[in-house]
């Protein structure tokens, strides 16, 4: 119960200044609220690790700033586009065709990926391995894992879209 009260006191004390800082970074109310809330979420998960309670303010502001930078990197790597603006780039696939897609078809498409992409995609999505675990297992740098995953997923999406558009699913390769 004391932890809950301490957390509420912390939020009460630092919410406004953190929000103001977040707003100065994002220049958008919703983004500033999200960033402030994310900061307190991180505190709830990791705040007990702080050894010197007098540094809580610095920890919160540093965490907010790191979350802001991380969100900007994510936006740069995965930009948001309105559907109307990119509609011509999307494949035309009926909802009925997508609903017929099953695990066997996805696994079949996975076998048709370029060999270099198969292992990272399978380890990440089928075995729930982290990037670091995949890098260690395959003996490649972390950046290579991320790159191969991104390219592999893109290739997998193209294969599945092609299969759906053609209305066919090629037989799995003989092993």
C-alpha atoms as a PDB file:
ATOM      1  CA  UNK A   1       0.000   0.000   0.000  1.00  0.00           C
ATOM      2  CA  UNK A   2       2.901   2.343   0.796  1.00  0.00           C
ATOM      3  CA  UNK A   3       4.337   1.788  -2.682  1.00  0.00           C
ATOM      4  CA  UNK A   4       1.028   2.838  -4.229  1.00  0.00           C
ATOM      5  CA  UNK A   5       0.896   6.003  -2.109  1.00  0.00           C
ATOM      6  CA  UNK A   6       4.544   6.788  -2.911  1.00  0.00           C
ATOM      7  CA  UNK A   7       3.841   6.380  -6.629  1.00  0.00           C
ATOM      8  CA  UNK A   8       0.795   8.655  -6.424  1.00  0.00           C
ATOM      9  CA  UNK A   9       2.845  11.297  -4.584  1.00  0.00           C
ATOM     10  CA  UNK A  10       5.561  11.039  -7.224  1.00  0.00           C
ATOM     11  CA  UNK A  11       3.030  11.494 -10.034  1.00  0.00           C
ATOM     12  CA  UNK A  12       1.394  14.396  -8.228  1.00  0.00           C
ATOM     13  CA  UNK A  13       4.744  16.088  -7.693  1.00  0.00           C
ATOM     14  CA  UNK A  14       6.309  15.604 -11.122  1.00  0.00           C
ATOM     15  CA  UNK A  15       3.472  15.193 -13.639  1.00  0.00           C
ATOM     16  CA  UNK A  16       3.120  18.894 -14.501  1.00  0.00           C
ATOM     17  CA  UNK A  17       6.838  19.641 -15.006  1.00  0.00           C
ATOM     18  CA  UNK A  18       7.336  16.409 -16.963  1.00  0.00           C
ATOM     19  CA  UNK A  19       4.325  17.191 -19.141  1.00  0.00           C
ATOM     20  CA  UNK A  20       5.654  20.701 -19.812  1.00  0.00           C
ATOM     21  CA  UNK A  21       9.015  19.275 -20.809  1.00  0.00           C
ATOM     22  CA  UNK A  22       7.351  16.665 -23.021  1.00  0.00           C
ATOM     23  CA  UNK A  23       5.183  19.339 -24.642  1.00  0.00           C
ATOM     24  CA  UNK A  24       8.255  21.459 -25.367  1.00  0.00           C
ATOM     25  CA  UNK A  25       9.761  18.453 -27.148  1.00  0.00           C
ATOM     26  CA  UNK A  26       6.714  17.167 -29.013  1.00  0.00           C
ATOM     27  CA  UNK A  27       4.640  20.334 -29.482  1.00  0.00           C
ATOM     28  CA  UNK A  28       1.497  18.207 -29.358  1.00  0.00           C
ATOM     29  CA  UNK A  29      -0.774  17.654 -26.352  1.00  0.00           C
ATOM     30  CA  UNK A  30      -1.544  13.997 -27.073  1.00  0.00           C
ATOM     31  CA  UNK A  31       2.106  13.122 -27.682  1.00  0.00           C
ATOM     32  CA  UNK A  32       3.164  14.968 -24.532  1.00  0.00           C
ATOM     33  CA  UNK A  33       0.557  13.065 -22.479  1.00  0.00           C
ATOM     34  CA  UNK A  34       1.690   9.751 -23.968  1.00  0.00           C
ATOM     35  CA  UNK A  35       5.334  10.533 -23.311  1.00  0.00           C
ATOM     36  CA  UNK A  36       4.657  11.567 -19.716  1.00  0.00           C
ATOM     37  CA  UNK A  37       2.572   8.457 -19.111  1.00  0.00           C
ATOM     38  CA  UNK A  38       5.292   6.270 -20.643  1.00  0.00           C
ATOM     39  CA  UNK A  39       7.834   7.847 -18.302  1.00  0.00           C
ATOM     40  CA  UNK A  40       5.749   6.893 -15.268  1.00  0.00           C
ATOM     41  CA  UNK A  41       5.249   3.409 -16.713  1.00  0.00           C
ATOM     42  CA  UNK A  42       9.009   2.986 -16.912  1.00  0.00           C
ATOM     43  CA  UNK A  43       9.290   4.304 -13.355  1.00  0.00           C
ATOM     44  CA  UNK A  44       6.723   1.763 -12.160  1.00  0.00           C
ATOM     45  CA  UNK A  45       8.764  -1.013 -13.767  1.00  0.00           C
ATOM     46  CA  UNK A  46      12.292   0.146 -12.923  1.00  0.00           C
ATOM     47  CA  UNK A  47      12.084   2.900 -10.314  1.00  0.00           C
ATOM     48  CA  UNK A  48      13.060   0.614  -7.451  1.00  0.00           C
ATOM     49  CA  UNK A  49      16.503   0.327  -9.021  1.00  0.00           C
ATOM     50  CA  UNK A  50      17.267   3.970  -8.211  1.00  0.00           C
ATOM     51  CA  UNK A  51      19.601   3.916  -5.202  1.00  0.00           C
ATOM     52  CA  UNK A  52      19.628   7.622  -4.381  1.00  0.00           C
ATOM     53  CA  UNK A  53      16.068   8.952  -3.868  1.00  0.00           C
ATOM     54  CA  UNK A  54      17.315  12.528  -4.207  1.00  0.00           C
ATOM     55  CA  UNK A  55      17.936  11.855  -7.910  1.00  0.00           C
ATOM     56  CA  UNK A  56      14.381  10.865  -8.790  1.00  0.00           C
ATOM     57  CA  UNK A  57      13.703  14.132 -10.637  1.00  0.00           C
ATOM     58  CA  UNK A  58      16.793  13.770 -12.815  1.00  0.00           C
ATOM     59  CA  UNK A  59      15.936  10.116 -13.461  1.00  0.00           C
ATOM     60  CA  UNK A  60      12.400  10.977 -14.578  1.00  0.00           C
ATOM     61  CA  UNK A  61      13.504  13.787 -16.892  1.00  0.00           C
ATOM     62  CA  UNK A  62      16.302  11.692 -18.362  1.00  0.00           C
ATOM     63  CA  UNK A  63      13.889   8.811 -18.922  1.00  0.00           C
ATOM     64  CA  UNK A  64      11.354  11.101 -20.598  1.00  0.00           C
ATOM     65  CA  UNK A  65      14.033  12.479 -22.898  1.00  0.00           C
ATOM     66  CA  UNK A  66      15.248   8.974 -23.804  1.00  0.00           C
ATOM     67  CA  UNK A  67      11.675   7.863 -24.524  1.00  0.00           C
ATOM     68  CA  UNK A  68      11.233  10.921 -26.759  1.00  0.00           C
ATOM     69  CA  UNK A  69      14.397  10.143 -28.716  1.00  0.00           C
ATOM     70  CA  UNK A  70      13.392   6.495 -29.030  1.00  0.00           C
ATOM     71  CA  UNK A  71       9.940   7.448 -30.334  1.00  0.00           C
ATOM     72  CA  UNK A  72      11.457   9.795 -32.924  1.00  0.00           C
ATOM     73  CA  UNK A  73      13.807   7.056 -34.121  1.00  0.00           C
ATOM     74  CA  UNK A  74      10.840   4.700 -34.394  1.00  0.00           C
ATOM     75  CA  UNK A  75       8.905   7.301 -36.414  1.00  0.00           C
ATOM     76  CA  UNK A  76      11.875   7.754 -38.734  1.00  0.00           C
ATOM     77  CA  UNK A  77      12.299   4.020 -39.257  1.00  0.00           C
ATOM     78  CA  UNK A  78       8.580   3.286 -39.482  1.00  0.00           C
ATOM     79  CA  UNK A  79       6.890   6.431 -40.801  1.00  0.00           C
ATOM     80  CA  UNK A  80       3.122   6.787 -40.539  1.00  0.00           C
ATOM     81  CA  UNK A  81       1.250   7.395 -43.763  1.00  0.00           C
ATOM     82  CA  UNK A  82      -2.437   8.027 -44.240  1.00  0.00           C
ATOM     83  CA  UNK A  83      -4.043   5.206 -46.145  1.00  0.00           C
ATOM     84  CA  UNK A  84      -5.422   7.567 -48.797  1.00  0.00           C
ATOM     85  CA  UNK A  85      -1.917   8.793 -49.595  1.00  0.00           C
ATOM     86  CA  UNK A  86      -0.448   5.330 -50.235  1.00  0.00           C
ATOM     87  CA  UNK A  87      -3.509   3.439 -51.425  1.00  0.00           C
ATOM     88  CA  UNK A  88      -2.160   3.037 -54.968  1.00  0.00           C
ATOM     89  CA  UNK A  89       0.946   1.287 -53.619  1.00  0.00           C
ATOM     90  CA  UNK A  90      -1.018  -1.376 -51.759  1.00  0.00           C
ATOM     91  CA  UNK A  91      -1.842  -4.674 -53.454  1.00  0.00           C
ATOM     92  CA  UNK A  92      -5.492  -5.293 -54.235  1.00  0.00           C
ATOM     93  CA  UNK A  93      -6.476  -8.303 -52.169  1.00  0.00           C
ATOM     94  CA  UNK A  94     -10.025  -9.165 -51.212  1.00  0.00           C
ATOM     95  CA  UNK A  95     -10.823  -9.633 -47.511  1.00  0.00           C
ATOM     96  CA  UNK A  96     -12.150 -13.096 -48.322  1.00  0.00           C
ATOM     97  CA  UNK A  97      -8.760 -14.104 -49.742  1.00  0.00           C
ATOM     98  CA  UNK A  98      -6.950 -12.850 -46.650  1.00  0.00           C
ATOM     99  CA  UNK A  99      -9.299 -14.744 -44.347  1.00  0.00           C
ATOM    100  CA  UNK A 100      -8.512 -17.971 -46.231  1.00  0.00           C
ATOM    101  CA  UNK A 101      -4.814 -17.545 -45.486  1.00  0.00           C
ATOM    102  CA  UNK A 102      -3.727 -20.135 -42.955  1.00  0.00           C
ATOM    103  CA  UNK A 103      -0.595 -21.092 -41.075  1.00  0.00           C
ATOM    104  CA  UNK A 104       0.401 -23.721 -43.617  1.00  0.00           C
ATOM    105  CA  UNK A 105       0.388 -21.137 -46.388  1.00  0.00           C
ATOM    106  CA  UNK A 106       2.511 -18.719 -44.373  1.00  0.00           C
ATOM    107  CA  UNK A 107       4.976 -21.492 -43.515  1.00  0.00           C
ATOM    108  CA  UNK A 108       5.037 -22.488 -47.192  1.00  0.00           C
ATOM    109  CA  UNK A 109       5.852 -18.888 -48.145  1.00  0.00           C
ATOM    110  CA  UNK A 110       8.542 -18.842 -45.454  1.00  0.00           C
ATOM    111  CA  UNK A 111      10.290 -21.751 -47.206  1.00  0.00           C
ATOM    112  CA  UNK A 112      10.384 -19.682 -50.395  1.00  0.00           C
ATOM    113  CA  UNK A 113      12.173 -16.726 -48.789  1.00  0.00           C
ATOM    114  CA  UNK A 114      15.769 -16.112 -49.758  1.00  0.00           C
ATOM    115  CA  UNK A 115      17.808 -18.440 -47.572  1.00  0.00           C
ATOM    116  CA  UNK A 116      19.573 -15.613 -45.754  1.00  0.00           C
ATOM    117  CA  UNK A 117      16.192 -14.307 -44.468  1.00  0.00           C
ATOM    118  CA  UNK A 118      14.589 -17.626 -43.480  1.00  0.00           C
ATOM    119  CA  UNK A 119      16.407 -18.249 -40.198  1.00  0.00           C
ATOM    120  CA  UNK A 120      16.008 -14.758 -38.690  1.00  0.00           C
ATOM    121  CA  UNK A 121      12.304 -14.592 -39.593  1.00  0.00           C
ATOM    122  CA  UNK A 122      11.609 -18.096 -38.294  1.00  0.00           C
ATOM    123  CA  UNK A 123      13.551 -17.542 -35.067  1.00  0.00           C
ATOM    124  CA  UNK A 124      11.868 -14.207 -34.385  1.00  0.00           C
ATOM    125  CA  UNK A 125       8.274 -15.097 -35.220  1.00  0.00           C
ATOM    126  CA  UNK A 126       8.088 -18.827 -34.615  1.00  0.00           C
ATOM    127  CA  UNK A 127      10.503 -19.222 -31.702  1.00  0.00           C
ATOM    128  CA  UNK A 128      10.035 -15.774 -30.073  1.00  0.00           C
ATOM    129  CA  UNK A 129      13.791 -15.143 -29.970  1.00  0.00           C
ATOM    130  CA  UNK A 130      15.062 -11.632 -29.301  1.00  0.00           C
ATOM    131  CA  UNK A 131      17.297  -9.773 -31.756  1.00  0.00           C
ATOM    132  CA  UNK A 132      20.279 -10.410 -29.478  1.00  0.00           C
ATOM    133  CA  UNK A 133      19.538 -14.123 -29.241  1.00  0.00           C
ATOM    134  CA  UNK A 134      19.240 -14.379 -33.022  1.00  0.00           C
ATOM    135  CA  UNK A 135      22.507 -12.492 -33.511  1.00  0.00           C
ATOM    136  CA  UNK A 136      24.241 -14.867 -31.123  1.00  0.00           C
ATOM    137  CA  UNK A 137      22.710 -17.991 -32.693  1.00  0.00           C
ATOM    138  CA  UNK A 138      23.559 -16.964 -36.245  1.00  0.00           C
ATOM    139  CA  UNK A 139      26.914 -15.394 -35.398  1.00  0.00           C
ATOM    140  CA  UNK A 140      26.086 -12.075 -37.081  1.00  0.00           C
ATOM    141  CA  UNK A 141      25.946  -8.484 -35.774  1.00  0.00           C
ATOM    142  CA  UNK A 142      22.712  -7.152 -34.279  1.00  0.00           C
ATOM    143  CA  UNK A 143      22.256  -4.666 -37.144  1.00  0.00           C
ATOM    144  CA  UNK A 144      22.460  -7.512 -39.656  1.00  0.00           C
ATOM    145  CA  UNK A 145      19.702  -9.363 -37.801  1.00  0.00           C
ATOM    146  CA  UNK A 146      17.449  -6.292 -37.870  1.00  0.00           C
ATOM    147  CA  UNK A 147      18.148  -5.722 -41.552  1.00  0.00           C
ATOM    148  CA  UNK A 148      17.500  -9.345 -42.494  1.00  0.00           C
ATOM    149  CA  UNK A 149      14.280  -9.384 -40.495  1.00  0.00           C
ATOM    150  CA  UNK A 150      12.999  -6.236 -42.183  1.00  0.00           C
ATOM    151  CA  UNK A 151      13.898  -7.461 -45.654  1.00  0.00           C
ATOM    152  CA  UNK A 152      12.629 -10.966 -44.938  1.00  0.00           C
ATOM    153  CA  UNK A 153       9.261  -9.701 -43.739  1.00  0.00           C
ATOM    154  CA  UNK A 154       8.981  -7.484 -46.811  1.00  0.00           C
ATOM    155  CA  UNK A 155       9.744 -10.418 -49.065  1.00  0.00           C
ATOM    156  CA  UNK A 156       7.294 -12.652 -47.173  1.00  0.00           C
ATOM    157  CA  UNK A 157       4.545 -10.054 -47.574  1.00  0.00           C
ATOM    158  CA  UNK A 158       5.221  -9.840 -51.312  1.00  0.00           C
ATOM    159  CA  UNK A 159       5.118 -13.620 -51.676  1.00  0.00           C
ATOM    160  CA  UNK A 160       1.835 -13.894 -49.777  1.00  0.00           C
ATOM    161  CA  UNK A 161       0.277 -10.988 -51.676  1.00  0.00           C
ATOM    162  CA  UNK A 162       1.318 -12.589 -54.971  1.00  0.00           C
ATOM    163  CA  UNK A 163      -0.118 -15.954 -53.918  1.00  0.00           C
ATOM    164  CA  UNK A 164      -3.400 -14.403 -52.821  1.00  0.00           C
ATOM    165  CA  UNK A 165      -3.686 -12.245 -55.934  1.00  0.00           C
ATOM    166  CA  UNK A 166      -3.005 -15.271 -58.145  1.00  0.00           C
ATOM    167  CA  UNK A 167      -5.503 -17.337 -56.189  1.00  0.00           C
ATOM    168  CA  UNK A 168      -3.062 -20.124 -55.791  1.00  0.00           C
ATOM    169  CA  UNK A 169      -0.713 -21.538 -53.253  1.00  0.00           C
ATOM    170  CA  UNK A 170       2.287 -23.314 -54.714  1.00  0.00           C
ATOM    171  CA  UNK A 171       3.035 -26.724 -53.236  1.00  0.00           C
ATOM    172  CA  UNK A 172       5.693 -26.806 -50.527  1.00  0.00           C
ATOM    173  CA  UNK A 173       9.165 -27.716 -51.772  1.00  0.00           C
ATOM    174  CA  UNK A 174      10.199 -31.329 -51.336  1.00  0.00           C
ATOM    175  CA  UNK A 175      12.776 -31.766 -48.624  1.00  0.00           C
END
